[in-house]
Amino acid sequence: MNFEPDIMLKIKQGRSKFIAMASTYFLGAFNDNFFKQAAMLMAVVAGKSELQGKATILFSLPFVLFSAYSGWMADRFSKRNVIIGAKFLELLAMIIGAFGIITVNWSCILSMVFLMGLQSAIFGPALNGSIPELYPEIYVGHANAVVKFASTAAILAGISLAGIVLDANGVFMGADSGQVLVAAVVLLVALLGVIISFGVNKSAPVGASVPFPFTGPLRSIFEFIAICKDPPLLLAVIGDAFFYFLSLLAVLNINTFGLNQLGLTRTLTSLLTVSLMIGICAGSFLAARIIATKPWSSVLFPASLGMGIGLLLTFTTPDMPENIRRILLFIFLFITGCCGGAFLIPVTSFIQIRPSPDEKGKIIAVSNFCSFSAMLIAGQVFIYMDRFLSPAANLAVLGIFSIAASFCFLAIQKRKGINHV
């Protein structure tokens, strides 16, 4: 990408701080997904697949309850200090989770999931709000793509390694070797994340006069209603919530699809989700190039339509011949992921760019509130889907839902005149 000399200078000046930000994000995303995937695989193997839905609800709940407070913190205090504090909270959560994994104590495991949700709720607005402060607006989309690449790479590594580590044979000091390795990894990564977080960009608070949101979730609801006055921003926030609702249900169903319906190992089941995430990574960079020359909203319809088609194709794989089933399964999930990445990056970038500097943390927090409210609902939806439908049928339902949503996005764009924003 070619930029003016002054813009290029700003980009170079912010590079070392951005690397610290991306690395911090990478390590947190790795730990989060490595631990959750290990716990979910253990739950499915133990015949407790409904715990996947319960864990999702517990992880999402802090975003619903505390998004207003975390947005206030990101605007009121130095974002660097908020990020460092969040990383210390992650370390505490991993200590509890490590004990739970080794002893198979589901109360500890679920408590850790809730604390990680709280940590992410605090961490997200501060880190995402730091990107527009560090780089010129024209570079924010590219920076988001890099962060998405880093987080997707972390998710890939976390999810794929979870199955491999859990499949490790042997006993260590009376505990399963795989579970001990999971505990050791999450503690070491959390500690490294704390250390690296001290290299994040220092910036002065931009909303020193912002009042404390005493009403909490009610404040988030009121602020969401205020966003309704800005149709393009409203569409982006709704699109973000739609993406996380759909993608979370897809991942949860992929675990039961691989282990219970297809009879795959924990390693191969994890790799199914990895193929989806690789696609998201590829789609993210494709989207960054598209929105550099076209309106961000132009990708919503084709991307959501593509996600739906990819999920419907995945639904057909159990009836395919054994010799081609696995290859096609990975290909279809990769296609679904590509479309997901192409959908997500334009939406994320617009949510970051649209608000004024003193409201970025608040708007990002409202977006988190909506997205994780959708994920909270998704966790409950999964419990019922898993109870009444096969995993493949669930994927078909999600595919039809995404296709229907794509036409809704198209209709909204045309009615509200958002096509050229």
Protein backbone atom coordinates (compact mmCIF):
# COMPACT_ATOMS: atom_id res chain seq x y z
CA MET A 1 0.00 0.00 0.00
CA ASN A 2 1.34 3.47 -0.93
CA PHE A 3 0.86 6.45 1.41
CA GLU A 4 1.93 10.07 1.59
CA PRO A 5 5.36 10.61 3.28
CA ASP A 6 3.88 12.19 6.44
CA ILE A 7 1.40 9.35 6.84
CA MET A 8 4.15 6.79 6.25
CA LEU A 9 6.24 8.46 8.96
CA LYS A 10 3.39 8.17 11.49
CA ILE A 11 2.95 4.51 10.58
CA LYS A 12 6.64 3.78 11.15
CA GLN A 13 6.70 5.70 14.43
CA GLY A 14 3.85 3.64 15.82
CA ARG A 15 5.16 0.27 14.67
CA SER A 16 6.95 -0.87 17.86
CA LYS A 17 3.96 0.04 20.05
CA PHE A 18 1.62 -1.66 17.63
CA ILE A 19 3.72 -4.84 17.77
CA ALA A 20 3.34 -4.85 21.56
CA MET A 21 -0.43 -4.34 21.19
CA ALA A 22 -0.76 -7.10 18.60
CA SER A 23 1.41 -9.46 20.65
CA THR A 24 -0.62 -8.82 23.78
CA TYR A 25 -3.80 -9.47 21.83
CA PHE A 26 -2.27 -12.61 20.27
CA LEU A 27 -1.33 -14.13 23.62
CA GLY A 28 -4.72 -13.37 25.18
CA ALA A 29 -6.59 -14.81 22.20
CA PHE A 30 -4.37 -17.91 22.25
CA ASN A 31 -4.92 -18.54 25.96
CA ASP A 32 -8.63 -17.92 25.73
CA ASN A 33 -9.19 -20.31 22.84
CA PHE A 34 -6.64 -22.92 23.92
CA PHE A 35 -8.28 -23.23 27.33
CA LYS A 36 -11.88 -23.07 26.11
CA GLN A 37 -11.31 -25.62 23.35
CA ALA A 38 -9.58 -28.01 25.78
CA ALA A 39 -12.43 -27.62 28.27
CA MET A 40 -15.13 -28.06 25.59
CA LEU A 41 -13.46 -31.17 24.16
CA MET A 42 -13.24 -32.63 27.68
CA ALA A 43 -16.93 -31.84 28.20
CA VAL A 44 -18.06 -33.47 24.94
CA VAL A 45 -15.96 -36.60 25.57
CA ALA A 46 -17.39 -36.81 29.12
CA GLY A 47 -20.93 -36.65 27.72
CA LYS A 48 -21.45 -33.10 29.00
CA SER A 49 -21.74 -31.26 25.67
CA GLU A 50 -24.38 -28.95 27.18
CA LEU A 51 -21.54 -27.37 29.19
CA GLN A 52 -20.36 -25.78 25.94
CA GLY A 53 -23.50 -23.67 25.93
CA LYS A 54 -23.24 -22.89 29.64
CA ALA A 55 -19.59 -21.85 29.27
CA THR A 56 -20.57 -19.57 26.40
CA ILE A 57 -23.23 -17.91 28.55
CA LEU A 58 -20.76 -17.37 31.41
CA PHE A 59 -18.12 -15.94 29.07
CA SER A 60 -20.60 -13.56 27.45
CA LEU A 61 -22.31 -12.39 30.64
CA PRO A 62 -19.54 -9.95 31.75
CA PHE A 63 -19.78 -8.15 28.41
CA VAL A 64 -23.48 -7.61 28.93
CA LEU A 65 -23.12 -6.53 32.56
CA PHE A 66 -19.91 -4.52 32.40
CA SER A 67 -19.54 -3.14 28.86
CA ALA A 68 -20.64 0.35 29.95
CA TYR A 69 -18.06 0.37 32.73
CA SER A 70 -15.25 -0.92 30.49
CA GLY A 71 -16.02 1.70 27.85
CA TRP A 72 -15.93 4.39 30.55
CA MET A 73 -12.57 3.08 31.79
CA ALA A 74 -11.10 3.14 28.26
CA ASP A 75 -12.12 6.80 27.85
CA ARG A 76 -11.49 7.96 31.42
CA PHE A 77 -8.06 6.40 32.06
CA SER A 78 -4.91 5.68 30.08
CA LYS A 79 -5.71 2.78 27.76
CA ARG A 80 -2.26 1.34 28.48
CA ASN A 81 -3.00 1.09 32.22
CA VAL A 82 -6.37 -0.54 31.52
CA ILE A 83 -4.69 -3.11 29.25
CA ILE A 84 -2.03 -3.93 31.87
CA GLY A 85 -4.68 -4.35 34.57
CA ALA A 86 -6.69 -6.65 32.30
CA LYS A 87 -3.64 -8.85 31.70
CA PHE A 88 -3.11 -9.27 35.45
CA LEU A 89 -6.75 -10.35 35.72
CA GLU A 90 -6.10 -12.90 32.96
CA LEU A 91 -3.21 -14.34 35.01
CA LEU A 92 -5.52 -14.75 38.02
CA ALA A 93 -8.16 -16.43 35.85
CA MET A 94 -5.61 -18.86 34.42
CA ILE A 95 -4.42 -19.90 37.90
CA ILE A 96 -8.00 -20.88 38.76
CA GLY A 97 -8.51 -22.53 35.36
CA ALA A 98 -5.26 -24.50 35.56
CA PHE A 99 -6.36 -26.02 38.87
CA GLY A 100 -9.76 -26.84 37.40
CA ILE A 101 -8.30 -28.54 34.32
CA ILE A 102 -5.89 -30.72 36.32
CA THR A 103 -8.50 -31.81 38.87
CA VAL A 104 -11.43 -31.86 36.38
CA ASN A 105 -13.27 -29.46 38.65
CA TRP A 106 -16.00 -28.02 36.44
CA SER A 107 -16.87 -25.29 38.96
CA CYS A 108 -13.31 -23.93 38.73
CA ILE A 109 -13.29 -24.27 34.95
CA LEU A 110 -16.56 -22.37 34.57
CA SER A 111 -15.43 -19.74 37.09
CA MET A 112 -12.30 -19.21 35.03
CA VAL A 113 -14.42 -18.82 31.88
CA PHE A 114 -16.44 -16.07 33.58
CA LEU A 115 -13.26 -14.27 34.71
CA MET A 116 -11.82 -14.48 31.19
CA GLY A 117 -15.02 -12.93 29.89
CA LEU A 118 -14.62 -10.11 32.42
CA GLN A 119 -10.98 -9.67 31.40
CA SER A 120 -11.89 -9.51 27.72
CA ALA A 121 -14.71 -7.03 28.41
CA ILE A 122 -12.19 -4.68 30.04
CA PHE A 123 -9.40 -5.34 27.55
CA GLY A 124 -11.36 -4.94 24.28
CA PRO A 125 -12.41 -1.25 24.31
CA ALA A 126 -8.99 -0.16 25.55
CA LEU A 127 -7.04 -2.03 22.88
CA ASN A 128 -9.43 -1.36 19.98
CA GLY A 129 -9.66 2.31 20.95
CA SER A 130 -5.85 2.54 20.91
CA ILE A 131 -5.53 1.69 17.21
CA PRO A 132 -7.13 4.93 15.88
CA GLU A 133 -5.01 6.88 18.38
CA LEU A 134 -1.82 5.28 17.08
CA TYR A 135 -2.41 5.39 13.31
CA PRO A 136 -3.95 7.73 10.68
CA GLU A 137 -7.54 6.93 9.73
CA ILE A 138 -6.57 5.65 6.27
CA TYR A 139 -4.37 2.97 7.89
CA VAL A 140 -6.84 1.80 10.54
CA GLY A 141 -8.40 -0.83 8.24
CA HIS A 142 -4.99 -2.31 7.46
CA ALA A 143 -4.01 -2.25 11.16
CA ASN A 144 -7.26 -4.03 12.02
CA ALA A 145 -6.49 -6.67 9.41
CA VAL A 146 -3.07 -7.23 10.99
CA VAL A 147 -4.63 -7.51 14.46
CA LYS A 148 -7.27 -9.86 13.08
CA PHE A 149 -4.51 -11.90 11.44
CA ALA A 150 -2.65 -12.06 14.78
CA SER A 151 -5.78 -12.99 16.71
CA THR A 152 -6.83 -15.53 14.09
CA ALA A 153 -3.34 -17.06 14.13
CA ALA A 154 -3.62 -17.23 17.92
CA ILE A 155 -7.05 -18.84 17.68
CA LEU A 156 -5.70 -21.32 15.12
CA ALA A 157 -2.78 -22.21 17.35
CA GLY A 158 -4.92 -22.39 20.48
CA ILE A 159 -7.69 -24.53 19.03
CA SER A 160 -5.40 -26.89 17.10
CA LEU A 161 -2.95 -27.38 19.98
CA ALA A 162 -5.74 -28.00 22.49
CA GLY A 163 -6.75 -31.25 20.80
CA ILE A 164 -3.15 -32.34 20.24
CA VAL A 165 -2.11 -31.64 23.85
CA LEU A 166 -5.18 -33.37 25.30
CA ASP A 167 -4.47 -36.45 23.19
CA ALA A 168 -1.05 -36.79 24.91
CA ASN A 169 -0.81 -40.13 26.69
CA GLY A 170 0.47 -40.80 30.19
CA VAL A 171 0.08 -39.74 33.80
CA PHE A 172 2.03 -37.01 35.60
CA MET A 173 1.92 -36.96 39.40
CA GLY A 174 -1.40 -38.77 39.41
CA ALA A 175 -3.05 -36.47 36.85
CA ASP A 176 -3.63 -36.88 33.10
CA SER A 177 -0.52 -35.66 31.24
CA GLY A 178 -2.54 -33.80 28.63
CA GLN A 179 -4.48 -31.85 31.25
CA VAL A 180 -1.26 -30.97 33.13
CA LEU A 181 0.27 -29.67 29.89
CA VAL A 182 -2.82 -27.52 29.23
CA ALA A 183 -2.51 -26.00 32.71
CA ALA A 184 1.23 -25.28 32.29
CA VAL A 185 0.74 -23.63 28.89
CA VAL A 186 -2.04 -21.24 30.00
CA LEU A 187 -0.03 -20.08 33.04
CA LEU A 188 3.14 -19.41 31.04
CA VAL A 189 1.30 -17.57 28.26
CA ALA A 190 -0.63 -15.42 30.75
CA LEU A 191 2.62 -14.42 32.50
CA LEU A 192 4.26 -13.54 29.17
CA GLY A 193 1.22 -11.43 28.25
CA VAL A 194 1.57 -9.39 31.45
CA ILE A 195 5.22 -8.66 30.65
CA ILE A 196 4.60 -7.60 27.03
CA SER A 197 1.62 -5.39 27.95
CA PHE A 198 4.03 -2.87 29.50
CA GLY A 199 5.21 -2.05 25.95
CA VAL A 200 1.79 -0.82 24.79
CA ASN A 201 1.48 2.79 23.63
CA LYS A 202 1.18 5.43 26.38
CA SER A 203 -1.62 7.91 25.77
CA ALA A 204 -3.43 10.53 27.82
CA PRO A 205 -7.12 9.92 28.66
CA VAL A 206 -9.39 11.52 26.05
CA GLY A 207 -12.60 11.51 28.08
CA ALA A 208 -11.53 12.83 31.47
CA SER A 209 -14.92 14.50 32.05
CA VAL A 210 -17.03 11.48 31.08
CA PRO A 211 -19.39 10.66 34.01
CA PHE A 212 -19.38 7.20 35.56
CA PRO A 213 -22.15 4.99 34.07
CA PHE A 214 -23.94 4.08 37.32
CA THR A 215 -26.80 2.40 35.47
CA GLY A 216 -24.46 -0.17 33.87
CA PRO A 217 -26.29 -2.39 31.35
CA LEU A 218 -29.20 0.07 31.21
CA ARG A 219 -26.70 2.72 30.12
CA SER A 220 -25.54 0.41 27.33
CA ILE A 221 -29.15 0.01 26.19
CA PHE A 222 -29.71 3.78 26.19
CA GLU A 223 -26.46 4.33 24.29
CA PHE A 224 -27.49 1.70 21.75
CA ILE A 225 -30.79 3.55 21.27
CA ALA A 226 -28.77 6.73 20.68
CA ILE A 227 -26.79 4.91 17.97
CA CYS A 228 -30.08 4.34 16.12
CA LYS A 229 -29.87 8.00 15.05
CA ASP A 230 -26.79 7.06 12.98
CA PRO A 231 -28.04 4.36 10.53
CA PRO A 232 -24.59 3.41 9.11
CA LEU A 233 -23.15 2.92 12.61
CA LEU A 234 -26.27 1.03 13.69
CA LEU A 235 -25.90 -1.31 10.72
CA ALA A 236 -22.25 -1.94 11.62
CA VAL A 237 -23.08 -2.71 15.26
CA ILE A 238 -25.91 -5.07 14.24
CA GLY A 239 -23.63 -6.70 11.68
CA ASP A 240 -20.96 -7.26 14.33
CA ALA A 241 -23.50 -8.88 16.67
CA PHE A 242 -24.82 -11.07 13.83
CA PHE A 243 -21.30 -12.28 12.98
CA TYR A 244 -20.47 -13.35 16.53
CA PHE A 245 -23.86 -15.01 17.04
CA LEU A 246 -23.44 -17.06 13.88
CA SER A 247 -19.74 -17.87 14.26
CA LEU A 248 -20.09 -18.97 17.88
CA LEU A 249 -22.94 -21.35 17.10
CA ALA A 250 -20.94 -22.70 14.16
CA VAL A 251 -17.87 -23.42 16.32
CA LEU A 252 -19.91 -25.07 19.09
CA ASN A 253 -21.69 -27.28 16.56
CA ILE A 254 -18.44 -28.16 14.78
CA ASN A 255 -17.12 -29.74 18.02
CA THR A 256 -20.15 -32.03 18.40
CA PHE A 257 -20.24 -32.57 14.61
CA GLY A 258 -16.66 -33.87 14.58
CA LEU A 259 -16.63 -35.87 17.81
CA ASN A 260 -20.17 -37.27 18.00
CA GLN A 261 -21.49 -37.42 14.42
CA LEU A 262 -18.33 -38.09 12.39
CA GLY A 263 -16.40 -39.94 15.12
CA LEU A 264 -13.19 -37.90 14.66
CA THR A 265 -10.40 -37.60 17.22
CA ARG A 266 -10.06 -34.50 19.38
CA THR A 267 -7.11 -33.40 17.24
CA LEU A 268 -9.02 -33.67 13.94
CA THR A 269 -12.09 -32.03 15.46
CA SER A 270 -9.98 -29.07 16.54
CA LEU A 271 -8.53 -28.85 13.03
CA LEU A 272 -12.05 -28.43 11.60
CA THR A 273 -12.35 -25.16 13.52
CA VAL A 274 -8.79 -24.29 12.46
CA SER A 275 -9.80 -24.48 8.79
CA LEU A 276 -12.66 -22.07 9.53
CA MET A 277 -10.26 -19.66 11.24
CA ILE A 278 -7.69 -19.84 8.43
CA GLY A 279 -10.48 -18.78 6.11
CA ILE A 280 -11.32 -15.83 8.39
CA CYS A 281 -7.67 -14.81 8.28
CA ALA A 282 -7.59 -14.89 4.47
CA GLY A 283 -10.92 -13.08 4.21
CA SER A 284 -9.70 -10.35 6.58
CA PHE A 285 -6.87 -9.31 4.27
CA LEU A 286 -9.15 -9.51 1.25
CA ALA A 287 -11.60 -7.19 3.01
CA ALA A 288 -8.83 -4.71 3.90
CA ARG A 289 -8.07 -4.33 0.19
CA ILE A 290 -11.73 -4.04 -0.78
CA ILE A 291 -12.62 -1.27 1.69
CA ALA A 292 -9.56 0.73 0.61
CA THR A 293 -11.36 1.45 -2.67
CA LYS A 294 -15.05 0.65 -2.04
CA PRO A 295 -17.66 1.50 0.62
CA TRP A 296 -17.41 -0.77 3.67
CA SER A 297 -21.08 -1.74 3.41
CA SER A 298 -20.67 -3.16 -0.10
CA VAL A 299 -19.32 -6.47 1.27
CA LEU A 300 -22.12 -7.23 3.75
CA PHE A 301 -24.52 -8.92 1.33
CA PRO A 302 -22.07 -11.14 -0.62
CA ALA A 303 -20.08 -12.06 2.51
CA SER A 304 -23.08 -13.12 4.60
CA LEU A 305 -24.54 -14.95 1.60
CA GLY A 306 -21.22 -16.79 1.19
CA MET A 307 -21.18 -17.80 4.86
CA GLY A 308 -24.63 -19.31 4.49
CA ILE A 309 -23.72 -21.25 1.36
CA GLY A 310 -20.54 -22.55 3.01
CA LEU A 311 -22.46 -23.83 6.03
CA LEU A 312 -25.06 -25.54 3.81
CA LEU A 313 -22.25 -27.26 1.90
CA THR A 314 -20.76 -28.43 5.21
CA PHE A 315 -24.15 -29.90 6.14
CA THR A 316 -23.98 -32.24 3.10
CA THR A 317 -20.61 -33.83 3.97
CA PRO A 318 -21.79 -36.75 6.21
CA ASP A 319 -23.50 -38.33 3.15
CA MET A 320 -20.41 -38.03 0.95
CA PRO A 321 -17.99 -40.92 0.21
CA GLU A 322 -15.42 -41.45 2.96
CA ASN A 323 -12.43 -40.85 0.66
CA ILE A 324 -13.43 -37.26 -0.17
CA ARG A 325 -15.50 -36.30 2.88
CA ARG A 326 -12.70 -34.89 5.02
CA ILE A 327 -11.07 -32.88 2.24
CA LEU A 328 -14.38 -31.31 1.21
CA LEU A 329 -15.27 -30.66 4.85
CA PHE A 330 -12.09 -28.63 5.34
CA ILE A 331 -12.62 -26.80 2.03
CA PHE A 332 -16.23 -25.86 2.82
CA LEU A 333 -15.30 -24.58 6.28
CA PHE A 334 -12.42 -22.59 4.79
CA ILE A 335 -14.82 -20.95 2.31
CA THR A 336 -17.21 -20.13 5.16
CA GLY A 337 -14.35 -18.55 7.09
CA CYS A 338 -13.18 -16.49 4.10
CA CYS A 339 -16.61 -14.95 3.80
CA GLY A 340 -16.71 -14.38 7.56
CA GLY A 341 -13.41 -12.49 7.55
CA ALA A 342 -14.55 -10.41 4.58
CA PHE A 343 -17.69 -9.52 6.55
CA LEU A 344 -16.03 -8.73 9.89
CA ILE A 345 -13.15 -6.37 9.03
CA PRO A 346 -15.20 -3.63 7.29
CA VAL A 347 -17.71 -3.68 10.16
CA THR A 348 -15.00 -3.51 12.86
CA SER A 349 -13.11 -0.73 11.10
CA PHE A 350 -16.22 1.42 10.67
CA ILE A 351 -17.15 1.04 14.35
CA GLN A 352 -13.67 2.27 15.30
CA ILE A 353 -13.52 5.17 12.82
CA ARG A 354 -17.06 6.56 12.97
CA PRO A 355 -17.20 7.90 16.59
CA SER A 356 -15.48 11.09 17.75
CA PRO A 357 -12.20 10.55 19.69
CA ASP A 358 -13.80 11.07 23.11
CA GLU A 359 -16.56 8.52 22.39
CA LYS A 360 -14.62 5.65 20.78
CA GLY A 361 -14.36 3.64 23.99
CA LYS A 362 -18.08 4.10 24.68
CA ILE A 363 -19.18 3.09 21.18
CA ILE A 364 -16.85 0.08 21.10
CA ALA A 365 -18.22 -0.95 24.50
CA VAL A 366 -21.80 -0.66 23.18
CA SER A 367 -20.79 -2.80 20.21
CA ASN A 368 -19.32 -5.36 22.62
CA PHE A 369 -22.52 -5.22 24.66
CA CYS A 370 -24.59 -6.05 21.56
CA SER A 371 -22.21 -8.72 20.25
CA PHE A 372 -21.96 -10.53 23.55
CA SER A 373 -25.67 -10.23 24.19
CA ALA A 374 -25.98 -12.11 20.89
CA MET A 375 -23.39 -14.64 22.10
CA LEU A 376 -25.24 -15.00 25.40
CA ILE A 377 -28.37 -15.87 23.42
CA ALA A 378 -26.29 -18.17 21.19
CA GLY A 379 -25.14 -20.18 24.21
CA GLN A 380 -28.74 -20.80 25.24
CA VAL A 381 -29.77 -21.53 21.64
CA PHE A 382 -27.01 -24.13 21.35
CA ILE A 383 -28.25 -26.02 24.41
CA TYR A 384 -31.63 -26.52 22.70
CA MET A 385 -30.17 -27.15 19.23
CA ASP A 386 -27.88 -29.84 20.66
CA ARG A 387 -30.83 -31.42 22.46
CA PHE A 388 -33.26 -31.64 19.52
CA LEU A 389 -31.23 -31.64 16.27
CA SER A 390 -28.18 -33.40 14.89
CA PRO A 391 -24.99 -31.32 14.54
CA ALA A 392 -25.25 -31.43 10.73
CA ALA A 393 -28.87 -30.24 10.84
CA ASN A 394 -27.80 -27.40 13.13
CA LEU A 395 -25.23 -26.27 10.56
CA ALA A 396 -27.95 -26.29 7.88
CA VAL A 397 -30.18 -24.11 10.07
CA LEU A 398 -27.31 -21.66 10.55
CA GLY A 399 -26.67 -21.60 6.80
CA ILE A 400 -30.30 -20.74 6.03
CA PHE A 401 -30.24 -18.07 8.75
CA SER A 402 -27.13 -16.44 7.25
CA ILE A 403 -28.62 -16.40 3.74
CA ALA A 404 -31.82 -14.80 5.07
CA ALA A 405 -29.73 -12.23 6.97
CA SER A 406 -27.80 -11.34 3.80
CA PHE A 407 -31.00 -10.21 2.08
CA CYS A 408 -31.99 -8.26 5.20
CA PHE A 409 -28.66 -6.41 5.07
CA LEU A 410 -29.21 -5.66 1.39
CA ALA A 411 -32.72 -4.31 2.04
CA ILE A 412 -31.53 -2.12 4.93
CA GLN A 413 -28.71 -0.66 2.84
CA LYS A 414 -31.06 0.28 0.03
CA ARG A 415 -33.77 1.67 2.31
CA LYS A 416 -31.43 3.77 4.46
CA GLY A 417 -29.15 4.85 1.61
CA ILE A 418 -26.02 3.41 3.23
CA ASN A 419 -24.43 2.07 0.04
CA HIS A 420 -22.06 5.03 -0.39
CA VAL A 421 -21.00 5.56 3.25
